[in-house]
Protein backbone atom coordinates (compact mmCIF):
# COMPACT_ATOMS: atom_id res chain seq x y z
CA MET A 1 93.23 -114.29 194.15
CA GLN A 2 93.31 -115.78 190.59
CA ARG A 3 89.88 -113.76 190.19
CA LEU A 4 90.76 -110.17 191.69
CA ASP A 5 91.61 -108.53 188.28
CA ASP A 6 87.83 -109.96 186.99
CA LEU A 7 86.29 -108.64 189.93
CA ARG A 8 87.71 -105.07 189.76
CA TYR A 9 86.91 -105.18 186.08
CA VAL A 10 83.56 -105.82 186.96
CA VAL A 11 83.37 -103.20 189.85
CA GLU A 12 84.84 -100.22 188.38
CA TYR A 13 81.98 -100.93 185.11
CA MET A 14 79.05 -101.19 187.71
CA ASP A 15 80.48 -98.40 189.65
CA PRO A 16 78.55 -98.86 193.01
CA ASP A 17 77.85 -97.28 196.43
CA ILE A 18 76.66 -99.52 198.20
CA LEU A 19 77.86 -103.47 197.15
CA VAL A 20 76.18 -106.38 199.23
CA VAL A 21 78.28 -109.97 198.50
CA GLN A 22 77.63 -113.16 199.49
CA GLU A 23 79.53 -116.35 199.93
CA MET A 24 82.26 -114.79 202.52
CA GLN A 25 84.83 -117.52 203.93
CA SER A 26 86.26 -114.41 206.58
CA ASN A 27 87.37 -111.54 207.43
CA ILE A 28 90.60 -111.82 205.92
CA GLY A 29 88.80 -112.54 202.39
CA VAL A 30 86.78 -109.26 203.24
CA SER A 31 89.97 -107.39 203.97
CA LEU A 32 91.25 -108.94 200.73
CA PHE A 33 87.87 -107.96 198.59
CA ARG A 34 87.72 -103.83 200.00
CA ASP A 35 91.24 -103.02 199.89
CA SER A 36 91.79 -105.17 196.25
CA VAL A 37 89.00 -104.95 194.64
CA VAL A 38 86.57 -102.51 195.36
CA ASN A 39 89.54 -99.97 196.53
CA TYR A 40 92.01 -100.77 193.63
CA TYR A 41 91.78 -97.52 191.56
CA GLN A 42 90.16 -95.77 194.88
CA ASP A 43 90.49 -95.66 198.36
CA ASP A 44 87.13 -94.97 199.27
CA PHE A 45 85.10 -97.82 200.43
CA LEU A 46 84.71 -98.90 203.86
CA ALA A 47 83.04 -102.43 204.92
CA ALA A 48 80.58 -103.29 207.21
CA PRO A 49 82.12 -105.20 210.13
CA PHE A 50 82.39 -108.98 209.28
CA HIS A 51 80.06 -111.81 211.17
CA ASP A 52 81.15 -115.30 210.78
CA GLY A 53 78.59 -117.69 210.98
CA PRO A 54 77.91 -121.28 210.59
CA ASP A 55 78.72 -121.79 206.14
CA THR A 56 79.55 -118.89 204.41
CA ASP A 57 78.74 -115.01 205.00
CA ASN A 58 77.35 -111.71 203.56
CA ALA A 59 79.20 -108.51 203.11
CA LEU A 60 78.65 -105.02 202.89
CA PHE A 61 80.87 -102.22 201.07
CA TYR A 62 79.70 -98.39 201.28
CA ARG A 63 81.30 -95.34 199.87
CA GLU A 64 82.00 -93.55 202.91
CA ASP A 65 81.15 -89.55 201.71
CA LYS A 66 77.67 -91.23 200.80
CA ILE A 67 77.08 -93.75 203.05
CA GLU A 68 77.29 -94.25 207.20
CA LEU A 69 76.88 -97.18 208.66
CA ILE A 70 74.36 -96.84 211.55
CA GLY A 71 74.89 -100.44 212.43
CA CYS A 72 74.32 -103.92 211.68
CA ASN A 73 72.25 -106.99 212.61
CA PHE A 74 72.58 -110.35 211.94
CA LEU A 75 69.19 -112.77 212.02
CA THR A 76 69.79 -116.49 212.77
CA THR A 77 68.23 -119.23 210.24
CA VAL A 78 68.49 -123.38 210.34
CA ASN A 79 70.95 -122.84 207.53
CA ARG A 80 72.84 -119.42 206.91
CA ASP A 81 72.52 -116.01 208.86
CA ILE A 82 70.41 -113.23 207.28
CA MET A 83 72.70 -109.97 207.57
CA GLN A 84 70.89 -106.60 208.55
CA TYR A 85 73.17 -103.29 207.83
CA ASN A 86 71.47 -100.22 209.21
CA LEU A 87 72.51 -97.33 206.44
CA ARG A 88 71.87 -93.49 206.18
CA LEU A 89 72.40 -92.04 203.02
CA ILE A 90 74.99 -89.18 204.15
CA GLU A 91 72.55 -86.36 201.30
CA PRO A 92 69.55 -86.24 201.94
CA GLY A 93 69.68 -88.02 205.48
CA GLU A 94 68.04 -90.64 204.91
CA GLU A 95 67.99 -93.66 206.46
CA LEU A 96 67.81 -97.55 204.35
CA ILE A 97 67.99 -100.64 205.56
CA VAL A 98 69.97 -103.70 203.51
CA PHE A 99 69.49 -107.38 204.31
CA SER A 100 71.87 -109.47 202.47
CA LEU A 101 71.04 -113.33 202.48
CA HIS A 102 71.66 -116.75 200.82
CA PHE A 103 68.74 -119.49 201.09
CA LYS A 104 70.06 -123.51 200.41
CA ALA A 105 70.29 -124.06 197.15
CA SER A 106 69.35 -126.83 194.94
CA GLN A 107 65.46 -127.90 193.57
CA GLY A 108 63.53 -130.55 196.12
CA PRO A 109 60.52 -130.44 199.06
CA GLU A 110 63.36 -131.15 201.57
CA ASN A 111 65.51 -127.63 200.37
CA GLU A 112 62.10 -125.86 200.01
CA ALA A 113 60.99 -126.95 203.91
CA ILE A 114 64.49 -125.25 204.28
CA ARG A 115 64.17 -122.15 201.53
CA LEU A 116 60.26 -121.29 204.01
CA GLN A 117 61.80 -121.88 207.14
CA GLU A 118 64.47 -119.00 206.09
CA ALA A 119 61.90 -116.71 204.73
CA THR A 120 60.17 -117.02 207.53
CA VAL A 121 62.73 -116.28 209.77
CA LEU A 122 62.72 -113.15 207.71
CA ARG A 123 59.49 -112.05 206.93
CA GLN A 124 58.70 -112.10 210.54
CA HIS A 125 61.74 -109.52 211.41
CA LEU A 126 60.09 -107.55 208.73
CA ASP A 127 56.80 -107.30 210.63
CA SER A 128 58.46 -106.22 213.73
CA LEU A 129 60.11 -103.19 211.85
CA ALA A 130 58.07 -99.43 211.96
CA GLN A 131 55.49 -98.92 209.20
CA GLY A 132 56.82 -96.74 206.92
CA THR A 133 60.69 -98.12 206.74
CA ASP A 134 62.94 -98.51 203.67
CA PHE A 135 64.25 -101.87 203.43
CA ILE A 136 65.94 -103.53 200.48
CA VAL A 137 66.30 -107.47 200.60
CA ALA A 138 69.42 -108.70 198.16
CA GLY A 139 71.11 -111.56 197.82
CA ASP A 140 70.88 -115.56 196.44
CA PHE A 141 67.67 -116.70 196.65
CA ASN A 142 67.46 -119.90 195.10
CA ILE A 143 64.22 -119.68 194.51
CA TYR A 144 62.91 -121.43 191.23
CA THR A 145 59.65 -120.31 190.91
CA SER A 146 57.37 -117.28 192.52
CA SER A 147 54.62 -120.68 193.20
CA GLU A 148 57.62 -122.00 195.73
CA PRO A 149 56.33 -121.01 199.71
CA ALA A 150 59.29 -119.12 200.76
CA TYR A 151 59.04 -116.64 197.96
CA ILE A 152 54.91 -116.53 199.14
CA MET A 153 55.98 -115.96 202.19
CA MET A 154 58.09 -112.65 201.66
CA THR A 155 56.18 -111.15 199.29
CA GLU A 156 51.73 -112.10 199.42
CA THR A 157 51.09 -111.68 202.86
CA SER A 158 50.69 -108.17 204.05
CA GLY A 159 51.69 -106.41 206.66
CA SER A 160 54.71 -103.33 207.01
CA GLY A 161 57.52 -106.88 206.70
CA GLN A 162 55.97 -107.07 202.94
CA LEU A 163 58.24 -107.83 200.16
CA PHE A 164 57.90 -106.17 196.40
CA ASP A 165 59.82 -107.50 193.35
CA PRO A 166 60.27 -103.42 192.05
CA ILE A 167 59.81 -105.00 188.19
CA ASN A 168 56.86 -107.48 189.27
CA ALA A 169 57.69 -110.35 187.05
CA PRO A 170 56.20 -113.53 188.40
CA GLY A 171 56.43 -116.93 187.21
CA TYR A 172 58.46 -120.33 186.75
CA TRP A 173 61.68 -118.44 186.11
CA HIS A 174 63.67 -122.25 186.06
CA GLU A 175 64.83 -122.66 182.49
CA ASN A 176 62.75 -120.23 181.43
CA SER A 177 62.96 -118.57 177.62
CA ASP A 178 60.40 -116.14 178.89
CA PHE A 179 62.28 -114.63 181.61
CA ALA A 180 65.83 -114.87 179.70
CA TYR A 181 66.55 -111.10 180.30
CA LEU A 182 66.53 -111.60 183.83
CA HIS A 183 68.07 -115.35 184.62
CA THR A 184 71.25 -114.77 186.97
CA GLN A 185 72.87 -118.09 187.04
CA SER A 186 74.88 -119.65 185.67
CA SER A 187 77.23 -117.07 183.92
CA ARG A 188 79.02 -120.01 182.66
CA VAL A 189 78.08 -123.60 181.17
CA ASP A 190 81.12 -125.43 181.64
CA GLN A 191 82.55 -125.15 185.87
CA LEU A 192 85.99 -124.27 186.32
CA PRO A 193 88.49 -126.07 187.56
CA ASP A 194 88.55 -123.75 190.94
CA GLY A 195 84.93 -124.44 191.30
CA GLY A 196 81.77 -122.52 190.48
CA ALA A 197 78.50 -123.91 189.47
CA GLY A 198 78.43 -124.03 184.99
CA GLY A 199 75.38 -124.47 183.50
CA GLY A 200 74.65 -121.24 181.10
CA LEU A 201 72.25 -118.53 182.15
CA ASP A 202 68.49 -119.87 183.13
CA ASP A 203 67.67 -119.60 186.99
CA ARG A 204 66.88 -116.05 188.80
CA PHE A 205 68.50 -116.85 191.52
CA ASP A 206 69.80 -113.18 192.42
CA MET A 207 66.73 -110.73 193.73
CA LEU A 208 66.32 -106.86 194.97
CA LEU A 209 63.30 -107.10 196.54
CA CYS A 210 61.82 -104.04 198.81
CA SER A 211 59.44 -102.85 200.77
CA SER A 212 56.07 -100.92 199.41
CA CYS A 213 57.36 -97.36 200.77
CA LEU A 214 60.49 -97.34 197.97
CA PHE A 215 57.51 -96.74 195.88
CA ASP A 216 55.01 -93.39 197.07
CA SER A 217 56.29 -90.18 196.28
CA ALA A 218 57.36 -88.99 199.60
CA GLY A 219 61.60 -89.79 200.78
CA LEU A 220 63.84 -92.45 199.00
CA TYR A 221 62.63 -93.94 195.95
CA LEU A 222 63.24 -96.59 193.55
CA PRO A 223 62.90 -96.19 189.98
CA ALA A 224 62.02 -99.91 188.87
CA GLN A 225 62.86 -98.96 184.96
CA THR A 226 66.73 -98.90 186.68
CA TYR A 227 66.45 -102.69 187.89
CA THR A 228 69.24 -104.22 185.84
CA VAL A 229 71.36 -107.99 185.50
CA PHE A 230 74.63 -106.93 184.64
CA GLY A 231 76.02 -108.85 181.54
CA ASN A 232 72.25 -110.17 180.40
CA ASP A 233 71.41 -108.99 177.38
CA GLY A 234 68.86 -111.27 176.61
CA ASP A 235 70.61 -113.61 174.44
CA HIS A 236 72.42 -115.86 175.72
CA PHE A 237 69.90 -118.01 177.25
CA ASN A 238 71.21 -121.28 178.67
CA ASP A 239 74.79 -119.64 177.44
CA PRO A 240 77.86 -117.80 179.00
CA VAL A 241 77.49 -114.82 179.69
CA ASN A 242 80.67 -114.31 177.01
CA HIS A 243 79.32 -116.34 174.41
CA GLY A 244 79.63 -114.43 170.73
CA TYR A 245 78.70 -110.95 171.61
CA ASN A 246 77.42 -109.41 174.59
CA GLN A 247 75.25 -106.48 174.05
CA SER A 248 74.75 -105.16 177.41
CA VAL A 249 78.37 -105.01 178.30
CA PRO A 250 82.15 -104.39 176.75
CA THR A 251 83.50 -108.03 175.74
CA TYR A 252 86.60 -107.42 178.49
CA VAL A 253 83.49 -106.72 181.26
CA ALA A 254 81.42 -110.08 179.80
CA ASP A 255 85.04 -112.17 179.77
CA ALA A 256 85.08 -110.86 183.78
CA LEU A 257 82.15 -111.76 184.80
CA TYR A 258 82.17 -115.60 183.13
CA TYR A 259 84.93 -115.86 185.42
CA ALA A 260 84.89 -114.00 188.60
CA SER A 261 81.56 -115.88 189.99
CA ASP A 262 78.54 -118.25 188.61
CA HIS A 263 75.80 -115.30 189.33
CA LEU A 264 75.67 -112.02 187.55
CA PRO A 265 74.93 -109.22 189.83
CA VAL A 266 71.44 -107.20 190.02
CA SER A 267 71.77 -103.28 190.27
CA VAL A 268 69.07 -100.44 191.26
CA ASP A 269 69.24 -96.79 191.71
CA ILE A 270 67.71 -95.20 194.58
CA VAL A 271 66.82 -91.47 194.26
CA TYR A 272 65.29 -88.84 196.12
CA GLY A 273 62.69 -86.21 196.18
CA SER A 274 62.92 -84.50 192.78
CA HIS A 275 64.64 -87.05 190.90
CA GLN A 276 61.55 -89.51 191.20
CA GLN A 277 59.69 -87.52 188.44
CA GLU A 278 63.09 -87.88 185.94
CA GLU A 279 62.97 -91.61 186.46
CA HIS A 280 58.77 -91.95 186.38
CA ASP A 281 56.38 -93.56 183.37
CA ILE A 282 59.41 -93.23 180.60
CA ILE A 283 57.59 -95.32 178.91
CA LYS A 284 53.94 -93.64 177.95
CA ILE A 285 51.21 -96.11 177.14
CA TYR A 286 47.53 -94.82 176.01
CA PRO A 287 45.30 -94.75 176.59
CA ASN A 288 45.95 -96.83 179.57
CA PRO A 289 43.71 -98.82 180.81
CA MET A 290 42.29 -100.10 177.05
CA GLN A 291 40.08 -101.47 175.66
CA THR A 292 40.87 -102.59 172.06
CA SER A 293 44.08 -100.42 171.07
CA ALA A 294 46.92 -98.94 172.40
CA SER A 295 49.67 -96.88 171.93
CA ILE A 296 53.03 -97.21 173.35
CA GLN A 297 55.73 -94.38 173.06
CA LEU A 298 59.53 -94.73 173.77
CA PRO A 299 62.03 -92.57 175.21
CA TRP A 300 64.22 -91.05 171.76
CA PHE A 301 67.80 -91.79 171.72
CA ASP A 302 69.89 -90.13 169.15
CA ASP A 303 72.33 -93.87 169.22
CA PHE A 304 69.22 -95.55 168.51
CA GLN A 305 69.52 -99.58 167.62
CA LYS A 306 66.51 -101.56 168.02
CA ALA A 307 63.99 -101.80 171.44
CA GLU A 308 62.24 -105.61 171.83
CA ILE A 309 59.06 -105.60 173.77
CA THR A 310 57.90 -107.93 176.11
CA ILE A 311 53.93 -108.29 177.49
CA THR A 312 53.89 -110.80 180.27
CA ASN A 313 50.31 -111.57 182.11
CA ILE A 314 49.96 -111.99 186.00
CA LEU A 315 51.06 -115.84 185.63
CA GLY A 316 54.55 -114.35 184.21
CA GLN A 317 53.82 -115.89 180.88
CA ARG A 318 54.33 -114.23 177.82
CA VAL A 319 51.86 -112.65 175.70
CA TYR A 320 53.13 -110.60 173.22
CA ALA A 321 56.82 -109.97 172.29
CA HIS A 322 58.36 -107.58 168.98
CA THR A 323 61.41 -106.42 167.62
CA LEU A 324 62.00 -102.62 166.53
CA TYR A 325 64.65 -101.00 164.88
CA SER A 326 63.51 -97.90 164.41
CA PRO A 327 62.44 -95.58 167.82
CA GLN A 328 58.47 -95.05 166.24
CA THR A 329 55.34 -95.64 168.59
CA ILE A 330 54.14 -99.00 169.02
CA HIS A 331 50.46 -100.06 168.10
CA LEU A 332 49.29 -102.82 170.13
CA ASP A 333 45.74 -104.95 169.23
CA ARG A 334 44.21 -106.13 172.31
CA GLY A 335 43.07 -109.79 169.95
CA THR A 336 41.91 -112.09 172.46
CA LEU A 337 43.30 -110.99 175.56
CA PRO A 338 41.48 -111.23 178.42
CA VAL A 339 40.91 -108.23 180.82
CA GLY A 340 43.31 -108.25 183.53
CA VAL A 341 46.52 -106.65 184.63
CA TYR A 342 49.66 -107.15 182.26
CA PHE A 343 53.68 -105.84 182.63
CA VAL A 344 55.12 -104.55 179.96
CA HIS A 345 59.52 -104.76 179.34
CA VAL A 346 60.88 -102.93 176.97
CA ARG A 347 64.74 -103.63 176.16
CA ILE A 348 66.24 -100.75 173.81
CA HIS A 349 69.36 -100.98 172.19
CA THR A 350 72.10 -97.84 171.71
CA VAL A 351 75.33 -97.98 170.91
CA PHE A 352 76.75 -98.06 174.12
CA GLN A 353 74.50 -99.52 176.33
CA ILE A 354 71.36 -101.21 176.92
CA GLN A 355 68.10 -99.83 178.54
CA VAL A 356 65.65 -101.36 180.81
CA TYR A 357 62.08 -100.02 181.17
CA HIS A 358 58.78 -101.89 182.91
CA THR A 359 55.77 -100.71 183.53
CA LYS A 360 51.94 -102.01 183.95
CA LEU A 361 49.00 -101.97 181.19
CA ALA A 362 45.86 -102.47 182.43
CA VAL A 363 42.95 -104.04 179.60
CA VAL A 364 39.68 -103.51 180.60
CA GLU A 365 36.08 -104.24 178.58
């Protein structure tokens, strides 16, 4: 009950149409969250039916004027159940399946083996879905690195159920400052008196993974540059999210994130049809592929403050980092970069917000 105000601040600031939540204890908790958090300022959210499985459970809240719940199902695993929510976007009438999960926590071979079993159940079910199905898997994966068997099970074998990271950021995420911009746990260093993990932001436990068809040119589309870890400005590695000045959210929201949960929420936009061209390729790289040099053109903002450019290789290792304080075109020399595919991550700071963009760069002979 003491965290309701903080949860309200966070949800109001995020302003989601679909909200997926883990670690629910009961239907009473779901009703309390619906009535006292998402519907506190205006009464337009419904809650999906609650499934009371072993351990903690999942919940989904959706705006009734935009989303229709077609049905829901659960997948039984050796640990916690995975929820499946079949949704229809009322406008334009497209269907989307959202999965919510909470994999086994902690490091060590035994816990990794349980996560692999959970991931196998999920992957086998996803492979049974019809080709071309739009789906997103959201939750607390508790995975420390993209080389963990559970992550490989979900992402590296082709098929209709193969999952993709929208921002394609593989690597060793745990306590690695190269991934400071993606860490979601923990929002605080010290544990609160009423519980919740501490340790500072140093793990990418919370992710949104999705089907390949959400990247194609038809129907629903997921613009990768809208992938956002709320409250993570890239400057709070191993720190509390509200330490000093947080450049990505107002101070009251950073404080609310600190107290509301030991995880930061992750969001992404889903658009339809003609909207995708407005969102895609906002970062321009030319030539791409490049041989010896290239230019990176950033989008223009009148209230531009700075841009942080990071380039990583396919292992998630940072190979380039630069900060600009004027919205100019960046000249990039290849230097000693080997031939291959790289991922360009740009964080543009304006007076009131941070915009995050991602794109690919190929280096050829």
